[in-house]
Each structure stands twice: as structure tokens, then as C-alpha cells.
Full PDB file with SEQRES, HELIX, SHEET, SSBOND, CRYST1, ORIGX, SCALE, CONECT and MASTER records, all heavy atoms in Angstrom:
SEQRES   1 A   27  LYS GLY ILE ILE ASP ASN MET SER LYS ARG PHE GLY ASN          
SEQRES   2 A   27  LEU ILE TRP LYS THR ASP GLY ARG GLU PHE TYR SER PHE          
SEQRES   3 A   27  PRO                                                          
HELIX    1 AA1 GLY A    2  PHE A   11  1                                  10    
SHEET    1 AA1 2 LEU A  14  THR A  18  0                                        
SHEET    2 AA1 2 ARG A  21  TYR A  24 -1                                        
CRYST1    1.000    1.000    1.000  90.00  90.00  90.00 P 1           1          
ORIGX1      1.000000  0.000000  0.000000        0.00000                         
ORIGX2      0.000000  1.000000  0.000000        0.00000                         
ORIGX3      0.000000  0.000000  1.000000        0.00000                         
SCALE1      1.000000  0.000000  0.000000        0.00000                         
SCALE2      0.000000  1.000000  0.000000        0.00000                         
SCALE3      0.000000  0.000000  1.000000        0.00000                         
ATOM      1  N   LYS A   1     -96.168  -0.159 -65.624  1.00  0.00           N  
ATOM      2  CA  LYS A   1     -97.486  -0.395 -65.035  1.00  0.00           C  
ATOM      3  C   LYS A   1     -97.378  -1.214 -63.759  1.00  0.00           C  
ATOM      4  O   LYS A   1     -98.071  -0.945 -62.770  1.00  0.00           O  
ATOM      5  CB  LYS A   1     -98.396  -1.107 -66.042  1.00  0.00           C  
ATOM      6  CG  LYS A   1     -98.905  -0.218 -67.155  1.00  0.00           C  
ATOM      7  CD  LYS A   1     -99.935  -0.951 -67.999  1.00  0.00           C  
ATOM      8  CE  LYS A   1    -100.619  -0.017 -68.976  1.00  0.00           C  
ATOM      9  NZ  LYS A   1    -101.723  -0.659 -69.722  1.00  0.00           N  
ATOM     10  N   GLY A   2     -96.509  -2.229 -63.772  1.00  0.00           N  
ATOM     11  CA  GLY A   2     -96.346  -3.073 -62.597  1.00  0.00           C  
ATOM     12  C   GLY A   2     -95.814  -2.296 -61.406  1.00  0.00           C  
ATOM     13  O   GLY A   2     -96.294  -2.463 -60.268  1.00  0.00           O  
ATOM     14  N   ILE A   3     -94.818  -1.451 -61.642  1.00  0.00           N  
ATOM     15  CA  ILE A   3     -94.247  -0.650 -60.556  1.00  0.00           C  
ATOM     16  C   ILE A   3     -95.296   0.308 -60.001  1.00  0.00           C  
ATOM     17  O   ILE A   3     -95.465   0.437 -58.778  1.00  0.00           O  
ATOM     18  CB  ILE A   3     -93.014   0.132 -61.046  1.00  0.00           C  
ATOM     19  CG1 ILE A   3     -91.854  -0.826 -61.330  1.00  0.00           C  
ATOM     20  CG2 ILE A   3     -92.590   1.177 -60.012  1.00  0.00           C  
ATOM     21  CD1 ILE A   3     -90.665  -0.157 -62.005  1.00  0.00           C  
ATOM     22  N   ILE A   4     -96.027   0.985 -60.877  1.00  0.00           N  
ATOM     23  CA  ILE A   4     -97.034   1.937 -60.430  1.00  0.00           C  
ATOM     24  C   ILE A   4     -98.155   1.232 -59.674  1.00  0.00           C  
ATOM     25  O   ILE A   4     -98.649   1.730 -58.649  1.00  0.00           O  
ATOM     26  CB  ILE A   4     -97.584   2.745 -61.623  1.00  0.00           C  
ATOM     27  CG1 ILE A   4     -96.495   3.668 -62.168  1.00  0.00           C  
ATOM     28  CG2 ILE A   4     -98.824   3.541 -61.226  1.00  0.00           C  
ATOM     29  CD1 ILE A   4     -96.879   4.401 -63.439  1.00  0.00           C  
ATOM     30  N   ASP A   5     -98.548   0.066 -60.155  1.00  0.00           N  
ATOM     31  CA  ASP A   5     -99.590  -0.703 -59.474  1.00  0.00           C  
ATOM     32  C   ASP A   5     -99.144  -1.093 -58.072  1.00  0.00           C  
ATOM     33  O   ASP A   5     -99.886  -0.912 -57.092  1.00  0.00           O  
ATOM     34  CB  ASP A   5     -99.937  -1.941 -60.295  1.00  0.00           C  
ATOM     35  CG  ASP A   5    -101.113  -2.708 -59.714  1.00  0.00           C  
ATOM     36  OD1 ASP A   5    -102.157  -2.089 -59.465  1.00  0.00           O  
ATOM     37  OD2 ASP A   5    -100.990  -3.932 -59.511  1.00  0.00           O  
ATOM     38  N   ASN A   6     -97.932  -1.605 -57.955  1.00  0.00           N  
ATOM     39  CA  ASN A   6     -97.417  -2.003 -56.640  1.00  0.00           C  
ATOM     40  C   ASN A   6     -97.221  -0.800 -55.721  1.00  0.00           C  
ATOM     41  O   ASN A   6     -97.481  -0.868 -54.518  1.00  0.00           O  
ATOM     42  CB  ASN A   6     -96.101  -2.765 -56.800  1.00  0.00           C  
ATOM     43  CG  ASN A   6     -96.291  -4.146 -57.392  1.00  0.00           C  
ATOM     44  OD1 ASN A   6     -97.344  -4.757 -57.231  1.00  0.00           O  
ATOM     45  ND2 ASN A   6     -95.292  -4.640 -58.103  1.00  0.00           N  
ATOM     46  N   MET A   7     -96.778   0.304 -56.289  1.00  0.00           N  
ATOM     47  CA  MET A   7     -96.594   1.527 -55.508  1.00  0.00           C  
ATOM     48  C   MET A   7     -97.935   2.028 -54.961  1.00  0.00           C  
ATOM     49  O   MET A   7     -98.043   2.463 -53.807  1.00  0.00           O  
ATOM     50  CB  MET A   7     -95.938   2.589 -56.380  1.00  0.00           C  
ATOM     51  CG  MET A   7     -95.660   3.902 -55.676  1.00  0.00           C  
ATOM     52  SD  MET A   7     -94.880   5.111 -56.790  1.00  0.00           S  
ATOM     53  CE  MET A   7     -93.230   4.388 -56.923  1.00  0.00           C  
ATOM     54  N   SER A   8     -98.968   1.937 -55.799  1.00  0.00           N  
ATOM     55  CA  SER A   8    -100.292   2.388 -55.375  1.00  0.00           C  
ATOM     56  C   SER A   8    -100.866   1.470 -54.299  1.00  0.00           C  
ATOM     57  O   SER A   8    -101.486   1.939 -53.333  1.00  0.00           O  
ATOM     58  CB  SER A   8    -101.229   2.458 -56.585  1.00  0.00           C  
ATOM     59  OG  SER A   8    -100.743   3.382 -57.536  1.00  0.00           O  
ATOM     60  N   LYS A   9    -100.654   0.171 -54.437  1.00  0.00           N  
ATOM     61  CA  LYS A   9    -101.118  -0.768 -53.413  1.00  0.00           C  
ATOM     62  C   LYS A   9    -100.401  -0.540 -52.088  1.00  0.00           C  
ATOM     63  O   LYS A   9    -101.003  -0.652 -51.020  1.00  0.00           O  
ATOM     64  CB  LYS A   9    -100.886  -2.203 -53.883  1.00  0.00           C  
ATOM     65  CG  LYS A   9    -101.808  -2.666 -54.998  1.00  0.00           C  
ATOM     66  CD  LYS A   9    -101.460  -4.082 -55.439  1.00  0.00           C  
ATOM     67  CE  LYS A   9    -102.375  -4.530 -56.566  1.00  0.00           C  
ATOM     68  NZ  LYS A   9    -102.004  -5.891 -57.062  1.00  0.00           N  
ATOM     69  N   ARG A  10     -99.120  -0.218 -52.180  1.00  0.00           N  
ATOM     70  CA  ARG A  10     -98.311  -0.078 -50.969  1.00  0.00           C  
ATOM     71  C   ARG A  10     -98.540   1.259 -50.274  1.00  0.00           C  
ATOM     72  O   ARG A  10     -98.628   1.316 -49.038  1.00  0.00           O  
ATOM     73  CB  ARG A  10     -96.825  -0.213 -51.344  1.00  0.00           C  
ATOM     74  CG  ARG A  10     -95.844  -0.036 -50.195  1.00  0.00           C  
ATOM     75  CD  ARG A  10     -95.895  -1.177 -49.213  1.00  0.00           C  
ATOM     76  NE  ARG A  10     -94.893  -1.002 -48.174  1.00  0.00           N  
ATOM     77  CZ  ARG A  10     -95.071  -0.254 -47.070  1.00  0.00           C  
ATOM     78  NH1 ARG A  10     -96.226   0.389 -46.887  1.00  0.00           N  
ATOM     79  NH2 ARG A  10     -94.108  -0.140 -46.176  1.00  0.00           N  
ATOM     80  N   PHE A  11     -98.670   2.339 -51.042  1.00  0.00           N  
ATOM     81  CA  PHE A  11     -98.716   3.664 -50.436  1.00  0.00           C  
ATOM     82  C   PHE A  11     -99.976   4.468 -50.757  1.00  0.00           C  
ATOM     83  O   PHE A  11    -100.128   5.587 -50.261  1.00  0.00           O  
ATOM     84  CB  PHE A  11     -97.489   4.476 -50.864  1.00  0.00           C  
ATOM     85  CG  PHE A  11     -96.193   3.846 -50.458  1.00  0.00           C  
ATOM     86  CD1 PHE A  11     -95.314   3.346 -51.413  1.00  0.00           C  
ATOM     87  CD2 PHE A  11     -95.851   3.730 -49.121  1.00  0.00           C  
ATOM     88  CE1 PHE A  11     -94.111   2.752 -51.043  1.00  0.00           C  
ATOM     89  CE2 PHE A  11     -94.653   3.139 -48.738  1.00  0.00           C  
ATOM     90  CZ  PHE A  11     -93.785   2.653 -49.702  1.00  0.00           C  
ATOM     91  N   GLY A  12    -100.858   3.916 -51.591  1.00  0.00           N  
ATOM     92  CA  GLY A  12    -102.124   4.589 -51.889  1.00  0.00           C  
ATOM     93  C   GLY A  12    -103.241   4.074 -51.006  1.00  0.00           C  
ATOM     94  O   GLY A  12    -103.006   3.382 -50.008  1.00  0.00           O  
ATOM     95  N   ASN A  13    -104.468   4.385 -51.371  1.00  0.00           N  
ATOM     96  CA  ASN A  13    -105.646   3.954 -50.616  1.00  0.00           C  
ATOM     97  C   ASN A  13    -106.538   3.094 -51.494  1.00  0.00           C  
ATOM     98  O   ASN A  13    -106.702   3.371 -52.687  1.00  0.00           O  
ATOM     99  CB  ASN A  13    -106.449   5.171 -50.131  1.00  0.00           C  
ATOM    100  CG  ASN A  13    -105.670   6.026 -49.161  1.00  0.00           C  
ATOM    101  OD1 ASN A  13    -105.148   5.530 -48.171  1.00  0.00           O  
ATOM    102  ND2 ASN A  13    -105.583   7.321 -49.449  1.00  0.00           N  
ATOM    103  N   LEU A  14    -107.125   2.074 -50.906  1.00  0.00           N  
ATOM    104  CA  LEU A  14    -108.079   1.241 -51.634  1.00  0.00           C  
ATOM    105  C   LEU A  14    -109.328   2.064 -51.903  1.00  0.00           C  
ATOM    106  O   LEU A  14    -109.932   2.617 -50.982  1.00  0.00           O  
ATOM    107  CB  LEU A  14    -108.435   0.010 -50.796  1.00  0.00           C  
ATOM    108  CG  LEU A  14    -109.477  -0.939 -51.405  1.00  0.00           C  
ATOM    109  CD1 LEU A  14    -108.965  -1.574 -52.686  1.00  0.00           C  
ATOM    110  CD2 LEU A  14    -109.863  -2.007 -50.379  1.00  0.00           C  
ATOM    111  N   ILE A  15    -109.719   2.167 -53.162  1.00  0.00           N  
ATOM    112  CA  ILE A  15    -110.889   2.980 -53.489  1.00  0.00           C  
ATOM    113  C   ILE A  15    -112.017   2.186 -54.140  1.00  0.00           C  
ATOM    114  O   ILE A  15    -113.158   2.651 -54.179  1.00  0.00           O  
ATOM    115  CB  ILE A  15    -110.514   4.165 -54.407  1.00  0.00           C  
ATOM    116  CG1 ILE A  15    -109.902   3.687 -55.713  1.00  0.00           C  
ATOM    117  CG2 ILE A  15    -109.587   5.129 -53.695  1.00  0.00           C  
ATOM    118  CD1 ILE A  15    -109.710   4.795 -56.735  1.00  0.00           C  
ATOM    119  N   TRP A  16    -111.702   0.975 -54.654  1.00  0.00           N  
ATOM    120  CA  TRP A  16    -112.779   0.240 -55.329  1.00  0.00           C  
ATOM    121  C   TRP A  16    -112.422  -1.227 -55.476  1.00  0.00           C  
ATOM    122  O   TRP A  16    -111.261  -1.576 -55.709  1.00  0.00           O  
ATOM    123  CB  TRP A  16    -113.066   0.843 -56.703  1.00  0.00           C  
ATOM    124  CG  TRP A  16    -114.267   0.252 -57.389  1.00  0.00           C  
ATOM    125  CD1 TRP A  16    -114.302  -0.406 -58.575  1.00  0.00           C  
ATOM    126  CD2 TRP A  16    -115.612   0.267 -56.892  1.00  0.00           C  
ATOM    127  NE1 TRP A  16    -115.577  -0.806 -58.857  1.00  0.00           N  
ATOM    128  CE2 TRP A  16    -116.404  -0.407 -57.832  1.00  0.00           C  
ATOM    129  CE3 TRP A  16    -116.209   0.777 -55.731  1.00  0.00           C  
ATOM    130  CZ2 TRP A  16    -117.775  -0.578 -57.664  1.00  0.00           C  
ATOM    131  CZ3 TRP A  16    -117.574   0.610 -55.568  1.00  0.00           C  
ATOM    132  CH2 TRP A  16    -118.342  -0.061 -56.531  1.00  0.00           C  
ATOM    133  N   LYS A  17    -113.414  -2.084 -55.331  1.00  0.00           N  
ATOM    134  CA  LYS A  17    -113.266  -3.517 -55.588  1.00  0.00           C  
ATOM    135  C   LYS A  17    -114.336  -3.935 -56.581  1.00  0.00           C  
ATOM    136  O   LYS A  17    -115.490  -3.512 -56.482  1.00  0.00           O  
ATOM    137  CB  LYS A  17    -113.453  -4.325 -54.303  1.00  0.00           C  
ATOM    138  CG  LYS A  17    -112.343  -4.245 -53.292  1.00  0.00           C  
ATOM    139  CD  LYS A  17    -112.638  -5.174 -52.111  1.00  0.00           C  
ATOM    140  CE  LYS A  17    -111.524  -5.157 -51.085  1.00  0.00           C  
ATOM    141  NZ  LYS A  17    -111.821  -6.080 -49.946  1.00  0.00           N  
ATOM    142  N   THR A  18    -113.965  -4.775 -57.531  1.00  0.00           N  
ATOM    143  CA  THR A  18    -114.932  -5.315 -58.465  1.00  0.00           C  
ATOM    144  C   THR A  18    -114.431  -6.642 -59.007  1.00  0.00           C  
ATOM    145  O   THR A  18    -113.280  -6.758 -59.446  1.00  0.00           O  
ATOM    146  CB  THR A  18    -115.222  -4.334 -59.627  1.00  0.00           C  
ATOM    147  OG1 THR A  18    -116.187  -4.910 -60.508  1.00  0.00           O  
ATOM    148  CG2 THR A  18    -113.962  -4.004 -60.417  1.00  0.00           C  
ATOM    149  N   ASP A  19    -115.265  -7.657 -58.942  1.00  0.00           N  
ATOM    150  CA  ASP A  19    -114.923  -8.984 -59.463  1.00  0.00           C  
ATOM    151  C   ASP A  19    -113.590  -9.490 -58.936  1.00  0.00           C  
ATOM    152  O   ASP A  19    -112.797 -10.087 -59.674  1.00  0.00           O  
ATOM    153  CB  ASP A  19    -114.894  -8.964 -60.998  1.00  0.00           C  
ATOM    154  CG  ASP A  19    -116.243  -8.597 -61.607  1.00  0.00           C  
ATOM    155  OD1 ASP A  19    -117.267  -8.950 -60.996  1.00  0.00           O  
ATOM    156  OD2 ASP A  19    -116.271  -7.961 -62.664  1.00  0.00           O  
ATOM    157  N   GLY A  20    -113.337  -9.248 -57.661  1.00  0.00           N  
ATOM    158  CA  GLY A  20    -112.105  -9.727 -57.047  1.00  0.00           C  
ATOM    159  C   GLY A  20    -110.878  -8.885 -57.325  1.00  0.00           C  
ATOM    160  O   GLY A  20    -109.782  -9.201 -56.858  1.00  0.00           O  
ATOM    161  N   ARG A  21    -111.030  -7.802 -58.075  1.00  0.00           N  
ATOM    162  CA  ARG A  21    -109.916  -6.914 -58.378  1.00  0.00           C  
ATOM    163  C   ARG A  21    -110.005  -5.670 -57.505  1.00  0.00           C  
ATOM    164  O   ARG A  21    -111.101  -5.160 -57.255  1.00  0.00           O  
ATOM    165  CB  ARG A  21    -109.907  -6.527 -59.860  1.00  0.00           C  
ATOM    166  CG  ARG A  21    -109.855  -7.738 -60.789  1.00  0.00           C  
ATOM    167  CD  ARG A  21    -109.655  -7.345 -62.241  1.00  0.00           C  
ATOM    168  NE  ARG A  21    -110.557  -6.322 -62.721  1.00  0.00           N  
ATOM    169  CZ  ARG A  21    -111.841  -6.526 -63.033  1.00  0.00           C  
ATOM    170  NH1 ARG A  21    -112.374  -7.734 -62.868  1.00  0.00           N  
ATOM    171  NH2 ARG A  21    -112.596  -5.545 -63.495  1.00  0.00           N  
ATOM    172  N   GLU A  22    -108.855  -5.185 -57.086  1.00  0.00           N  
ATOM    173  CA  GLU A  22    -108.795  -4.012 -56.224  1.00  0.00           C  
ATOM    174  C   GLU A  22    -108.125  -2.853 -56.956  1.00  0.00           C  
ATOM    175  O   GLU A  22    -107.169  -3.051 -57.706  1.00  0.00           O  
ATOM    176  CB  GLU A  22    -108.032  -4.320 -54.941  1.00  0.00           C  
ATOM    177  CG  GLU A  22    -108.710  -5.376 -54.065  1.00  0.00           C  
ATOM    178  CD  GLU A  22    -107.943  -5.656 -52.785  1.00  0.00           C  
ATOM    179  OE1 GLU A  22    -106.732  -5.342 -52.751  1.00  0.00           O  
ATOM    180  OE2 GLU A  22    -108.540  -6.190 -51.843  1.00  0.00           O  
ATOM    181  N   PHE A  23    -108.617  -1.666 -56.703  1.00  0.00           N  
ATOM    182  CA  PHE A  23    -108.086  -0.467 -57.339  1.00  0.00           C  
ATOM    183  C   PHE A  23    -107.710   0.545 -56.263  1.00  0.00           C  
ATOM    184  O   PHE A  23    -108.485   0.800 -55.338  1.00  0.00           O  
ATOM    185  CB  PHE A  23    -109.120   0.129 -58.295  1.00  0.00           C  
ATOM    186  CG  PHE A  23    -109.455  -0.775 -59.449  1.00  0.00           C  
ATOM    187  CD1 PHE A  23    -110.398  -1.786 -59.311  1.00  0.00           C  
ATOM    188  CD2 PHE A  23    -108.804  -0.642 -60.667  1.00  0.00           C  
ATOM    189  CE1 PHE A  23    -110.695  -2.635 -60.363  1.00  0.00           C  
ATOM    190  CE2 PHE A  23    -109.101  -1.488 -61.722  1.00  0.00           C  
ATOM    191  CZ  PHE A  23    -110.046  -2.486 -61.575  1.00  0.00           C  
ATOM    192  N   TYR A  24    -106.525   1.102 -56.414  1.00  0.00           N  
ATOM    193  CA  TYR A  24    -105.960   1.994 -55.410  1.00  0.00           C  
ATOM    194  C   TYR A  24    -105.685   3.367 -55.988  1.00  0.00           C  
ATOM    195  O   TYR A  24    -105.399   3.514 -57.181  1.00  0.00           O  
ATOM    196  CB  TYR A  24    -104.649   1.413 -54.865  1.00  0.00           C  
ATOM    197  CG  TYR A  24    -104.832   0.150 -54.055  1.00  0.00           C  
ATOM    198  CD1 TYR A  24    -105.018  -1.082 -54.679  1.00  0.00           C  
ATOM    199  CD2 TYR A  24    -104.822   0.192 -52.662  1.00  0.00           C  
ATOM    200  CE1 TYR A  24    -105.191  -2.237 -53.938  1.00  0.00           C  
ATOM    201  CE2 TYR A  24    -104.992  -0.972 -51.917  1.00  0.00           C  
ATOM    202  CZ  TYR A  24    -105.175  -2.175 -52.561  1.00  0.00           C  
ATOM    203  OH  TYR A  24    -105.357  -3.321 -51.821  1.00  0.00           O  
ATOM    204  N   SER A  25    -105.746   4.363 -55.117  1.00  0.00           N  
ATOM    205  CA  SER A  25    -105.364   5.713 -55.520  1.00  0.00           C  
ATOM    206  C   SER A  25    -103.856   5.773 -55.722  1.00  0.00           C  
ATOM    207  O   SER A  25    -103.105   4.980 -55.159  1.00  0.00           O  
ATOM    208  CB  SER A  25    -105.784   6.722 -54.454  1.00  0.00           C  
ATOM    209  OG  SER A  25    -105.095   6.480 -53.232  1.00  0.00           O  
ATOM    210  N   PHE A  26    -103.418   6.728 -56.529  1.00  0.00           N  
ATOM    211  CA  PHE A  26    -101.984   6.949 -56.695  1.00  0.00           C  
ATOM    212  C   PHE A  26    -101.460   7.586 -55.414  1.00  0.00           C  
ATOM    213  O   PHE A  26    -102.092   8.483 -54.857  1.00  0.00           O  
ATOM    214  CB  PHE A  26    -101.717   7.856 -57.893  1.00  0.00           C  
ATOM    215  CG  PHE A  26    -100.279   7.908 -58.293  1.00  0.00           C  
ATOM    216  CD1 PHE A  26     -99.745   6.942 -59.119  1.00  0.00           C  
ATOM    217  CD2 PHE A  26     -99.452   8.924 -57.828  1.00  0.00           C  
ATOM    218  CE1 PHE A  26     -98.407   6.979 -59.488  1.00  0.00           C  
ATOM    219  CE2 PHE A  26     -98.122   8.971 -58.183  1.00  0.00           C  
ATOM    220  CZ  PHE A  26     -97.587   7.989 -59.013  1.00  0.00           C  
ATOM    221  N   PRO A  27    -100.304   7.145 -54.912  1.00  0.00           N  
ATOM    222  CA  PRO A  27     -99.793   7.705 -53.650  1.00  0.00           C  
ATOM    223  C   PRO A  27     -99.473   9.189 -53.758  1.00  0.00           C  
ATOM    224  O   PRO A  27     -99.001   9.670 -54.792  1.00  0.00           O  
ATOM    225  CB  PRO A  27     -98.532   6.882 -53.381  1.00  0.00           C  
ATOM    226  CG  PRO A  27     -98.153   6.286 -54.692  1.00  0.00           C  
ATOM    227  CD  PRO A  27     -99.423   6.091 -55.446  1.00  0.00           C  
TER     228      PRO A  27                                                      
MASTER        0    0    0    1    2    0    0    6  227    1    0    3          
END                                                                             
């Protein structure tokens, strides 16, 4: 999960923010 999360932050797109948390698309 950690690797996928970091990969998405690095190479995906920001798609949603809520309560200070950010969610990214899968690269």
C-alpha cells in the first residue's frame, strides 16, 4: 500500500482532497 500510494502521488494526478488528506489517480 505504501509503495502504491507513493507511486500515485509521484506519477498520478491529484483527484480529491478531504480533511487534509489527498487522493491520487493510479499512474
